[in-house]
């Protein structure tokens, strides 16, 4: 048990003692106090997890989109990555959104504006089909939608 966990246990024990002393006030108050204490302790951990997820998504997605070609990339993987990014951006806090915006906006703009890339490939049909079934849009439209969510 590390020091952070032992501190949490100690704080939880103090809350328990306070609740036992104030049992005359009612059980509901005691339950509320314990729930509030546990939620306050979990908030910093959740923020750290969200930041780590955002950091991993930033590095992986920027590498993937900058090296994207239709010959070596998997269509369903592309579509799921776009879907995960879109969902993550919609539920994450502002700092994670800014981090994703900084790392992905330029790469996505460059990819969306490359008209030769979108017209030249015969495998585009497979990407469009996968993207349509997973994201509800064709490949280019789903990337443009992701870009519009990222831009302020």
N, C-alpha and C. Protein backbone atom coordinates (compact mmCIF):
# COMPACT_ATOMS: atom_id res chain seq x y z
N UNK A 1 0.85 -1.17 0.00
CA UNK A 1 0.00 0.00 0.00
C UNK A 1 0.90 1.24 0.00
N UNK A 2 0.69 2.11 -0.98
CA UNK A 2 1.52 3.31 -1.05
C UNK A 2 0.96 4.40 -0.14
N UNK A 3 1.66 5.50 -0.06
CA UNK A 3 1.28 6.57 0.88
C UNK A 3 -0.06 7.20 0.52
N UNK A 4 -0.35 7.29 -0.78
CA UNK A 4 -1.62 7.89 -1.21
C UNK A 4 -2.79 7.00 -0.78
N UNK A 5 -2.64 5.71 -0.94
CA UNK A 5 -3.70 4.79 -0.54
C UNK A 5 -3.87 4.78 0.98
N UNK A 6 -2.76 4.82 1.70
CA UNK A 6 -2.86 4.82 3.16
C UNK A 6 -3.51 6.11 3.66
N UNK A 7 -3.26 7.22 2.97
CA UNK A 7 -3.91 8.48 3.33
C UNK A 7 -5.41 8.38 3.11
N UNK A 8 -5.80 7.77 2.01
CA UNK A 8 -7.24 7.59 1.74
C UNK A 8 -7.89 6.72 2.80
N UNK A 9 -7.23 5.63 3.16
CA UNK A 9 -7.77 4.74 4.18
C UNK A 9 -7.91 5.49 5.50
N UNK A 10 -6.91 6.26 5.85
CA UNK A 10 -6.94 7.03 7.09
C UNK A 10 -8.11 8.03 7.07
N UNK A 11 -8.26 8.76 5.95
CA UNK A 11 -9.37 9.72 5.85
C UNK A 11 -10.71 9.01 5.92
N UNK A 12 -10.79 7.85 5.32
CA UNK A 12 -12.03 7.08 5.34
C UNK A 12 -12.34 6.64 6.78
N UNK A 13 -11.32 6.23 7.53
CA UNK A 13 -11.51 5.81 8.92
C UNK A 13 -11.98 6.99 9.78
N UNK A 14 -11.43 8.16 9.53
CA UNK A 14 -11.86 9.35 10.28
C UNK A 14 -13.33 9.64 9.99
N UNK A 15 -13.71 9.55 8.73
CA UNK A 15 -15.11 9.78 8.37
C UNK A 15 -16.02 8.77 9.06
N UNK A 16 -15.58 7.51 9.12
CA UNK A 16 -16.37 6.47 9.78
C UNK A 16 -16.57 6.80 11.26
N UNK A 17 -15.51 7.24 11.93
CA UNK A 17 -15.61 7.60 13.35
C UNK A 17 -16.57 8.76 13.54
N UNK A 18 -16.47 9.76 12.66
CA UNK A 18 -17.37 10.91 12.75
C UNK A 18 -18.82 10.48 12.54
N UNK A 19 -19.02 9.58 11.63
CA UNK A 19 -20.37 9.11 11.36
C UNK A 19 -20.93 8.34 12.55
N UNK A 20 -20.09 7.55 13.18
CA UNK A 20 -20.55 6.79 14.34
C UNK A 20 -20.91 7.72 15.50
N UNK A 21 -20.12 8.78 15.66
CA UNK A 21 -20.40 9.75 16.72
C UNK A 21 -21.71 10.48 16.46
N UNK A 22 -21.95 10.77 15.21
CA UNK A 22 -23.13 11.56 14.85
C UNK A 22 -24.28 10.68 14.36
N UNK A 23 -24.34 9.46 14.86
CA UNK A 23 -25.37 8.55 14.38
C UNK A 23 -26.77 9.02 14.75
N UNK A 24 -26.85 9.84 15.76
CA UNK A 24 -28.14 10.36 16.17
C UNK A 24 -28.75 11.25 15.09
N UNK A 25 -27.91 11.81 14.23
CA UNK A 25 -28.42 12.69 13.16
C UNK A 25 -29.14 11.90 12.08
N UNK A 26 -28.88 10.62 12.01
CA UNK A 26 -29.57 9.80 11.02
C UNK A 26 -28.59 9.08 10.12
N UNK A 27 -29.01 7.94 9.67
CA UNK A 27 -28.13 7.12 8.84
C UNK A 27 -27.91 7.73 7.46
N UNK A 28 -28.88 8.44 6.96
CA UNK A 28 -28.75 9.00 5.61
C UNK A 28 -27.60 10.01 5.54
N UNK A 29 -27.45 10.83 6.55
CA UNK A 29 -26.35 11.79 6.58
C UNK A 29 -25.01 11.08 6.58
N UNK A 30 -24.92 10.01 7.32
CA UNK A 30 -23.67 9.23 7.39
C UNK A 30 -23.33 8.65 6.02
N UNK A 31 -24.31 8.08 5.36
CA UNK A 31 -24.08 7.50 4.03
C UNK A 31 -23.66 8.57 3.04
N UNK A 32 -24.29 9.72 3.12
CA UNK A 32 -23.96 10.82 2.21
C UNK A 32 -22.53 11.29 2.42
N UNK A 33 -22.13 11.43 3.66
CA UNK A 33 -20.76 11.87 3.96
C UNK A 33 -19.73 10.87 3.44
N UNK A 34 -19.98 9.59 3.64
CA UNK A 34 -19.05 8.58 3.16
C UNK A 34 -18.97 8.58 1.64
N UNK A 35 -20.10 8.72 0.98
CA UNK A 35 -20.11 8.74 -0.48
C UNK A 35 -19.36 9.96 -1.01
N UNK A 36 -19.56 11.11 -0.38
CA UNK A 36 -18.86 12.32 -0.81
C UNK A 36 -17.35 12.18 -0.63
N UNK A 37 -16.93 11.58 0.46
CA UNK A 37 -15.50 11.39 0.72
C UNK A 37 -14.87 10.48 -0.32
N UNK A 38 -15.55 9.40 -0.68
CA UNK A 38 -14.97 8.48 -1.66
C UNK A 38 -14.94 9.10 -3.06
N UNK A 39 -15.95 9.89 -3.41
CA UNK A 39 -15.97 10.54 -4.72
C UNK A 39 -14.86 11.57 -4.82
N UNK A 40 -14.64 12.34 -3.77
CA UNK A 40 -13.57 13.35 -3.78
C UNK A 40 -12.21 12.70 -3.94
N UNK A 41 -12.03 11.53 -3.35
CA UNK A 41 -10.74 10.84 -3.47
C UNK A 41 -10.54 10.25 -4.86
N UNK A 42 -11.62 9.90 -5.55
CA UNK A 42 -11.51 9.29 -6.87
C UNK A 42 -11.30 10.31 -7.98
N UNK A 43 -11.69 11.56 -7.79
CA UNK A 43 -11.60 12.56 -8.85
C UNK A 43 -10.19 12.76 -9.39
N UNK A 44 -9.17 12.94 -8.56
CA UNK A 44 -7.82 13.12 -9.12
C UNK A 44 -7.35 11.90 -9.92
N UNK A 45 -7.73 10.70 -9.46
CA UNK A 45 -7.34 9.49 -10.19
C UNK A 45 -7.99 9.45 -11.57
N UNK A 46 -9.25 9.81 -11.63
CA UNK A 46 -9.95 9.81 -12.92
C UNK A 46 -9.34 10.83 -13.87
N UNK A 47 -9.00 11.99 -13.36
CA UNK A 47 -8.39 13.01 -14.21
C UNK A 47 -7.06 12.53 -14.76
N UNK A 48 -6.28 11.84 -13.94
CA UNK A 48 -5.01 11.30 -14.40
C UNK A 48 -5.22 10.27 -15.50
N UNK A 49 -6.23 9.42 -15.33
CA UNK A 49 -6.52 8.40 -16.33
C UNK A 49 -6.94 9.04 -17.64
N UNK A 50 -7.83 10.05 -17.58
CA UNK A 50 -8.27 10.73 -18.79
C UNK A 50 -7.10 11.39 -19.52
N UNK A 51 -6.19 11.98 -18.75
CA UNK A 51 -5.03 12.62 -19.36
C UNK A 51 -4.13 11.60 -20.04
N UNK A 52 -3.95 10.45 -19.43
CA UNK A 52 -3.13 9.40 -20.03
C UNK A 52 -3.76 8.87 -21.31
N UNK A 53 -5.08 8.69 -21.29
CA UNK A 53 -5.78 8.23 -22.48
C UNK A 53 -5.64 9.26 -23.59
N UNK A 54 -5.81 10.52 -23.27
CA UNK A 54 -5.68 11.58 -24.28
C UNK A 54 -4.28 11.62 -24.86
N UNK A 55 -3.28 11.47 -24.01
CA UNK A 55 -1.89 11.48 -24.48
C UNK A 55 -1.63 10.32 -25.44
N UNK A 56 -2.10 9.13 -25.08
CA UNK A 56 -1.91 7.96 -25.96
C UNK A 56 -2.66 8.12 -27.28
N UNK A 57 -3.89 8.61 -27.19
CA UNK A 57 -4.67 8.82 -28.42
C UNK A 57 -4.01 9.85 -29.32
N UNK A 58 -3.48 10.90 -28.75
CA UNK A 58 -2.81 11.95 -29.54
C UNK A 58 -1.64 11.37 -30.32
N UNK A 59 -0.76 10.70 -29.64
CA UNK A 59 0.44 10.20 -30.32
C UNK A 59 0.09 9.13 -31.34
N UNK A 60 -0.80 8.21 -30.97
CA UNK A 60 -1.13 7.13 -31.89
C UNK A 60 -1.91 7.64 -33.10
N UNK A 61 -2.92 8.46 -32.88
CA UNK A 61 -3.76 8.94 -33.98
C UNK A 61 -2.98 9.84 -34.93
N UNK A 62 -2.12 10.69 -34.41
CA UNK A 62 -1.35 11.56 -35.30
C UNK A 62 -0.39 10.74 -36.17
N UNK A 63 0.23 9.72 -35.58
CA UNK A 63 1.10 8.84 -36.37
C UNK A 63 0.30 8.08 -37.43
N UNK A 64 -0.85 7.56 -37.03
CA UNK A 64 -1.67 6.78 -37.95
C UNK A 64 -2.16 7.63 -39.12
N UNK A 65 -2.71 8.81 -38.82
CA UNK A 65 -3.26 9.64 -39.89
C UNK A 65 -2.17 10.24 -40.78
N UNK A 66 -1.02 10.53 -40.23
CA UNK A 66 0.05 11.09 -41.06
C UNK A 66 0.67 10.03 -41.98
N UNK A 67 0.59 8.76 -41.60
CA UNK A 67 1.13 7.68 -42.43
C UNK A 67 0.04 6.88 -43.14
N UNK A 68 -1.17 7.41 -43.18
CA UNK A 68 -2.30 6.67 -43.76
C UNK A 68 -2.13 6.49 -45.26
N UNK A 69 -2.27 5.26 -45.69
CA UNK A 69 -2.43 4.97 -47.11
C UNK A 69 -3.41 3.82 -47.24
N UNK A 70 -4.13 3.79 -48.33
CA UNK A 70 -5.19 2.82 -48.48
C UNK A 70 -4.68 1.41 -48.76
N UNK A 71 -3.44 1.28 -49.16
CA UNK A 71 -2.91 -0.04 -49.48
C UNK A 71 -2.52 -0.84 -48.24
N UNK A 72 -1.99 -0.18 -47.22
CA UNK A 72 -1.51 -0.89 -46.04
C UNK A 72 -2.42 -0.78 -44.82
N UNK A 73 -3.36 0.13 -44.82
CA UNK A 73 -4.21 0.35 -43.65
C UNK A 73 -5.46 -0.51 -43.72
N UNK A 74 -5.98 -0.83 -42.56
CA UNK A 74 -7.20 -1.63 -42.46
C UNK A 74 -8.41 -0.70 -42.40
N UNK A 75 -9.40 -0.92 -43.25
CA UNK A 75 -10.57 -0.03 -43.30
C UNK A 75 -11.36 0.03 -41.99
N UNK A 76 -11.61 -1.12 -41.37
CA UNK A 76 -12.40 -1.12 -40.13
C UNK A 76 -11.63 -0.48 -38.98
N UNK A 77 -10.32 -0.67 -38.96
CA UNK A 77 -9.50 -0.04 -37.93
C UNK A 77 -9.56 1.48 -38.07
N UNK A 78 -9.46 1.95 -39.29
CA UNK A 78 -9.57 3.39 -39.57
C UNK A 78 -10.90 3.92 -39.04
N UNK A 79 -11.98 3.22 -39.37
CA UNK A 79 -13.31 3.68 -38.97
C UNK A 79 -13.48 3.67 -37.45
N UNK A 80 -12.99 2.62 -36.81
CA UNK A 80 -13.11 2.56 -35.35
C UNK A 80 -12.26 3.63 -34.67
N UNK A 81 -11.11 3.92 -35.21
CA UNK A 81 -10.27 4.98 -34.64
C UNK A 81 -10.99 6.33 -34.73
N UNK A 82 -11.59 6.61 -35.86
CA UNK A 82 -12.34 7.87 -36.02
C UNK A 82 -13.51 7.90 -35.04
N UNK A 83 -14.18 6.78 -34.88
CA UNK A 83 -15.32 6.71 -33.97
C UNK A 83 -14.88 6.90 -32.51
N UNK A 84 -13.79 6.25 -32.13
CA UNK A 84 -13.29 6.39 -30.76
C UNK A 84 -12.88 7.83 -30.49
N UNK A 85 -12.19 8.45 -31.44
CA UNK A 85 -11.77 9.84 -31.26
C UNK A 85 -12.98 10.77 -31.13
N UNK A 86 -13.97 10.56 -31.98
CA UNK A 86 -15.17 11.39 -31.94
C UNK A 86 -15.88 11.24 -30.59
N UNK A 87 -16.01 10.02 -30.13
CA UNK A 87 -16.68 9.78 -28.84
C UNK A 87 -15.86 10.34 -27.68
N UNK A 88 -14.56 10.15 -27.73
CA UNK A 88 -13.70 10.63 -26.64
C UNK A 88 -13.75 12.15 -26.54
N UNK A 89 -13.73 12.82 -27.67
CA UNK A 89 -13.77 14.28 -27.67
C UNK A 89 -15.08 14.79 -27.09
N UNK A 90 -16.17 14.09 -27.38
CA UNK A 90 -17.47 14.56 -26.91
C UNK A 90 -17.66 14.40 -25.41
N UNK A 91 -16.92 13.48 -24.76
CA UNK A 91 -17.11 13.27 -23.33
C UNK A 91 -15.95 13.75 -22.47
N UNK A 92 -14.85 14.13 -23.09
CA UNK A 92 -13.67 14.49 -22.29
C UNK A 92 -13.72 15.95 -21.86
N UNK A 93 -12.87 16.27 -20.91
CA UNK A 93 -12.81 17.64 -20.41
C UNK A 93 -11.99 18.50 -21.37
N UNK A 94 -11.99 19.79 -21.12
CA UNK A 94 -11.42 20.77 -22.04
C UNK A 94 -9.92 20.59 -22.27
N UNK A 95 -9.17 20.22 -21.24
CA UNK A 95 -7.72 20.06 -21.41
C UNK A 95 -7.39 18.91 -22.36
N UNK A 96 -8.17 17.83 -22.29
CA UNK A 96 -7.95 16.71 -23.21
C UNK A 96 -8.32 17.09 -24.63
N UNK A 97 -9.39 17.86 -24.77
CA UNK A 97 -9.80 18.32 -26.10
C UNK A 97 -8.72 19.20 -26.72
N UNK A 98 -8.15 20.09 -25.92
CA UNK A 98 -7.10 20.97 -26.43
C UNK A 98 -5.87 20.18 -26.85
N UNK A 99 -5.54 19.18 -26.07
CA UNK A 99 -4.38 18.35 -26.40
C UNK A 99 -4.60 17.63 -27.74
N UNK A 100 -5.79 17.07 -27.92
CA UNK A 100 -6.11 16.41 -29.18
C UNK A 100 -6.15 17.41 -30.33
N UNK A 101 -6.68 18.58 -30.06
CA UNK A 101 -6.75 19.62 -31.08
C UNK A 101 -5.36 20.01 -31.55
N UNK A 102 -4.44 20.19 -30.63
CA UNK A 102 -3.08 20.59 -30.99
C UNK A 102 -2.36 19.53 -31.81
N UNK A 103 -2.59 18.27 -31.50
CA UNK A 103 -1.83 17.23 -32.19
C UNK A 103 -2.50 16.73 -33.47
N UNK A 104 -3.82 16.88 -33.60
CA UNK A 104 -4.50 16.28 -34.75
C UNK A 104 -5.01 17.25 -35.81
N UNK A 105 -5.23 18.50 -35.46
CA UNK A 105 -5.87 19.42 -36.40
C UNK A 105 -5.09 19.56 -37.69
N UNK A 106 -3.81 19.81 -37.61
CA UNK A 106 -3.00 20.01 -38.82
C UNK A 106 -2.93 18.74 -39.67
N UNK A 107 -2.77 17.60 -39.01
CA UNK A 107 -2.68 16.33 -39.74
C UNK A 107 -3.99 16.04 -40.46
N UNK A 108 -5.11 16.27 -39.77
CA UNK A 108 -6.42 16.02 -40.39
C UNK A 108 -6.71 17.00 -41.52
N UNK A 109 -6.34 18.26 -41.35
CA UNK A 109 -6.55 19.24 -42.43
C UNK A 109 -5.77 18.83 -43.68
N UNK A 110 -4.53 18.44 -43.47
CA UNK A 110 -3.68 18.02 -44.59
C UNK A 110 -4.27 16.79 -45.28
N UNK A 111 -4.76 15.86 -44.50
CA UNK A 111 -5.34 14.64 -45.06
C UNK A 111 -6.64 14.92 -45.79
N UNK A 112 -7.49 15.76 -45.22
CA UNK A 112 -8.78 16.08 -45.85
C UNK A 112 -8.60 16.90 -47.13
N UNK A 113 -7.59 17.74 -47.19
CA UNK A 113 -7.37 18.60 -48.35
C UNK A 113 -6.60 17.92 -49.48
N UNK A 114 -6.12 16.73 -49.27
CA UNK A 114 -5.37 15.99 -50.28
C UNK A 114 -6.35 15.29 -51.23
N UNK A 115 -6.82 16.01 -52.25
CA UNK A 115 -7.85 15.48 -53.15
C UNK A 115 -7.33 14.32 -54.00
N UNK A 116 -6.07 14.34 -54.37
CA UNK A 116 -5.52 13.24 -55.16
C UNK A 116 -5.57 11.93 -54.38
N UNK A 117 -5.33 12.02 -53.09
CA UNK A 117 -5.35 10.84 -52.23
C UNK A 117 -6.75 10.22 -52.20
N UNK A 118 -7.78 11.06 -52.13
CA UNK A 118 -9.14 10.56 -52.02
C UNK A 118 -9.72 10.10 -53.35
N UNK A 119 -9.15 10.54 -54.46
CA UNK A 119 -9.68 10.14 -55.77
C UNK A 119 -8.90 9.00 -56.40
N UNK A 120 -7.65 8.83 -56.04
CA UNK A 120 -6.77 7.91 -56.76
C UNK A 120 -6.92 6.45 -56.35
N UNK A 121 -7.33 6.17 -55.17
CA UNK A 121 -7.27 4.80 -54.68
C UNK A 121 -8.52 4.00 -55.02
N UNK A 122 -8.30 2.76 -55.45
CA UNK A 122 -9.43 1.87 -55.72
C UNK A 122 -9.91 1.19 -54.43
N UNK A 123 -9.09 1.22 -53.38
CA UNK A 123 -9.50 0.65 -52.09
C UNK A 123 -10.35 1.62 -51.28
N UNK A 124 -10.57 2.81 -51.80
CA UNK A 124 -11.39 3.79 -51.09
C UNK A 124 -12.80 3.24 -50.85
N UNK A 125 -13.27 2.41 -51.76
CA UNK A 125 -14.61 1.85 -51.62
C UNK A 125 -14.72 1.03 -50.33
N UNK A 126 -13.68 0.25 -50.01
CA UNK A 126 -13.69 -0.54 -48.77
C UNK A 126 -13.66 0.37 -47.54
N UNK A 127 -12.89 1.45 -47.62
CA UNK A 127 -12.84 2.39 -46.50
C UNK A 127 -14.18 3.09 -46.32
N UNK A 128 -14.81 3.46 -47.43
CA UNK A 128 -16.12 4.11 -47.35
C UNK A 128 -17.17 3.17 -46.76
N UNK A 129 -17.14 1.91 -47.17
CA UNK A 129 -18.10 0.94 -46.66
C UNK A 129 -17.93 0.73 -45.16
N UNK A 130 -16.69 0.54 -44.73
CA UNK A 130 -16.42 0.34 -43.30
C UNK A 130 -16.78 1.58 -42.50
N UNK A 131 -16.43 2.73 -43.00
CA UNK A 131 -16.72 3.97 -42.31
C UNK A 131 -18.22 4.24 -42.24
N UNK A 132 -18.92 3.91 -43.31
CA UNK A 132 -20.37 4.09 -43.35
C UNK A 132 -21.04 3.21 -42.30
N UNK A 133 -20.59 1.98 -42.16
CA UNK A 133 -21.23 1.08 -41.20
C UNK A 133 -20.87 1.42 -39.75
N UNK A 134 -19.66 1.92 -39.51
CA UNK A 134 -19.22 2.17 -38.13
C UNK A 134 -19.51 3.61 -37.70
N UNK A 135 -19.22 4.57 -38.57
CA UNK A 135 -19.36 5.99 -38.20
C UNK A 135 -20.65 6.61 -38.71
N UNK A 136 -21.28 5.97 -39.68
CA UNK A 136 -22.49 6.54 -40.26
C UNK A 136 -22.21 7.55 -41.35
N UNK A 137 -20.96 7.65 -41.78
CA UNK A 137 -20.54 8.58 -42.83
C UNK A 137 -19.45 7.91 -43.65
N UNK A 138 -19.23 8.44 -44.83
CA UNK A 138 -18.12 7.95 -45.64
C UNK A 138 -16.80 8.39 -45.01
N UNK A 139 -15.70 7.83 -45.46
CA UNK A 139 -14.40 8.04 -44.82
C UNK A 139 -14.02 9.52 -44.76
N UNK A 140 -14.09 10.21 -45.88
CA UNK A 140 -13.72 11.62 -45.89
C UNK A 140 -14.68 12.46 -45.05
N UNK A 141 -15.97 12.15 -45.14
CA UNK A 141 -16.96 12.90 -44.36
C UNK A 141 -16.76 12.67 -42.86
N UNK A 142 -16.39 11.46 -42.46
CA UNK A 142 -16.16 11.21 -41.04
C UNK A 142 -14.92 11.95 -40.54
N UNK A 143 -13.88 12.04 -41.38
CA UNK A 143 -12.69 12.80 -41.00
C UNK A 143 -13.01 14.29 -40.89
N UNK A 144 -13.81 14.80 -41.83
CA UNK A 144 -14.20 16.22 -41.77
C UNK A 144 -15.06 16.50 -40.54
N UNK A 145 -15.91 15.54 -40.18
CA UNK A 145 -16.72 15.70 -38.98
C UNK A 145 -15.83 15.73 -37.73
N UNK A 146 -14.85 14.84 -37.68
CA UNK A 146 -13.90 14.83 -36.57
C UNK A 146 -13.14 16.15 -36.50
N UNK A 147 -12.74 16.66 -37.64
CA UNK A 147 -12.03 17.94 -37.69
C UNK A 147 -12.93 19.08 -37.21
N UNK A 148 -14.20 19.05 -37.59
CA UNK A 148 -15.11 20.12 -37.16
C UNK A 148 -15.36 20.08 -35.65
N UNK A 149 -15.33 18.90 -35.07
CA UNK A 149 -15.48 18.79 -33.61
C UNK A 149 -14.24 19.33 -32.91
N UNK A 150 -13.08 19.08 -33.49
CA UNK A 150 -11.82 19.52 -32.88
C UNK A 150 -11.63 21.02 -32.95
N UNK A 151 -12.04 21.64 -34.05
CA UNK A 151 -11.81 23.07 -34.22
C UNK A 151 -12.76 23.86 -33.34
N UNK A 152 -12.26 24.94 -32.73
CA UNK A 152 -13.11 25.74 -31.82
C UNK A 152 -14.15 26.55 -32.56
